[in-house]
Amino acid sequence: MSTLDREFQTYQRHLPQLLERHERQFVVIQGERVEHFGRSYEAALEWAYGKFGLDQPFFVKEVVSEQESVAHFTRDLGLCRT
């Protein structure tokens, strides 16, 4: 399983709890851990780069009840397998 898949599954698994307290905020997830919330995408991304730098992958996503659009960010730039 890729890092992105694992982090997205973590998001989905925690979504009911995230919606209760953090709807419309941006969650930072690394691996299977929910790490931080930001009020904007930029704030969450800035926090994540400050904590993890360029060496560690992380996932940032808006906490929403329905998938309004696909907008994920990952720096996991491994080989693309087709």
Protein backbone atom coordinates (compact mmCIF):
# COMPACT_ATOMS: atom_id res chain seq x y z
CA MET A 1 0.00 0.00 0.00
CA SER A 2 1.33 3.42 -0.89
CA THR A 3 1.81 6.20 1.64
CA LEU A 4 -0.99 8.19 0.00
CA ASP A 5 -3.37 5.23 0.21
CA ARG A 6 -2.58 4.67 3.89
CA GLU A 7 -3.04 8.36 4.75
CA PHE A 8 -6.30 8.60 2.81
CA GLN A 9 -7.59 5.50 4.60
CA THR A 10 -6.65 7.15 7.91
CA TYR A 11 -8.68 10.21 6.87
CA GLN A 12 -11.69 8.08 5.95
CA ARG A 13 -11.48 6.04 9.16
CA HIS A 14 -11.40 9.19 11.34
CA LEU A 15 -13.87 11.22 9.26
CA PRO A 16 -16.90 10.93 11.61
CA GLN A 17 -14.85 12.27 14.54
CA LEU A 18 -13.15 14.90 12.39
CA LEU A 19 -16.51 16.25 11.21
CA GLU A 20 -17.72 16.71 14.78
CA ARG A 21 -15.01 19.21 15.71
CA HIS A 22 -13.09 20.19 12.58
CA GLU A 23 -15.49 20.43 9.64
CA ARG A 24 -14.17 22.78 6.94
CA GLN A 25 -10.72 22.87 8.53
CA PHE A 26 -7.69 21.26 6.90
CA VAL A 27 -6.26 18.15 8.51
CA VAL A 28 -2.60 17.10 8.35
CA ILE A 29 -2.08 13.33 8.45
CA GLN A 30 1.18 11.46 8.47
CA GLY A 31 0.95 7.71 8.10
CA GLU A 32 -1.84 6.65 10.43
CA ARG A 33 -1.68 9.71 12.71
CA VAL A 34 -3.85 12.81 12.64
CA GLU A 35 -1.25 15.47 13.42
CA HIS A 36 -2.74 18.95 13.11
CA PHE A 37 -5.61 21.13 11.88
CA GLY A 38 -5.39 24.45 10.08
CA ARG A 39 -8.08 26.99 9.24
CA SER A 40 -6.73 27.21 5.67
CA TYR A 41 -4.88 24.90 3.30
CA GLU A 42 -1.90 27.23 3.36
CA ALA A 43 -1.77 27.25 7.18
CA ALA A 44 -1.94 23.45 7.37
CA LEU A 45 0.71 23.06 4.68
CA GLU A 46 3.01 25.59 6.36
CA TRP A 47 2.68 23.76 9.68
CA ALA A 48 3.36 20.39 8.01
CA TYR A 49 6.50 21.60 6.23
CA GLY A 50 7.70 23.13 9.49
CA LYS A 51 7.22 19.82 11.32
CA PHE A 52 8.16 17.26 8.64
CA GLY A 53 10.37 19.24 6.26
CA LEU A 54 10.99 17.96 2.77
CA ASP A 55 12.12 14.50 3.88
CA GLN A 56 8.89 13.04 5.25
CA PRO A 57 5.61 12.55 3.36
CA PHE A 58 2.35 13.92 4.73
CA PHE A 59 -1.26 14.40 3.60
CA VAL A 60 -3.40 17.56 3.76
CA LYS A 61 -7.15 17.51 3.12
CA GLU A 62 -10.17 19.63 3.90
CA VAL A 63 -12.53 17.92 6.35
CA VAL A 64 -15.83 17.68 4.46
CA SER A 65 -18.79 15.32 4.73
CA GLU A 66 -19.04 14.61 1.02
CA GLN A 67 -16.37 14.44 -1.61
CA GLU A 68 -16.93 17.76 -3.35
CA SER A 69 -13.84 17.52 -5.51
CA VAL A 70 -10.62 15.58 -5.59
CA ALA A 71 -7.83 17.78 -4.27
CA HIS A 72 -5.09 15.89 -2.48
CA PHE A 73 -1.49 16.79 -1.96
CA THR A 74 1.37 14.40 -1.50
CA ARG A 75 5.10 14.63 -1.92
CA ASP A 76 5.40 10.84 -2.23
CA LEU A 77 6.88 10.91 -5.72
CA GLY A 78 7.83 7.28 -6.05
CA LEU A 79 7.75 5.42 -9.33
CA CYS A 80 4.41 5.36 -11.07
CA ARG A 81 3.37 1.78 -11.73
CA THR A 82 1.03 1.28 -14.65
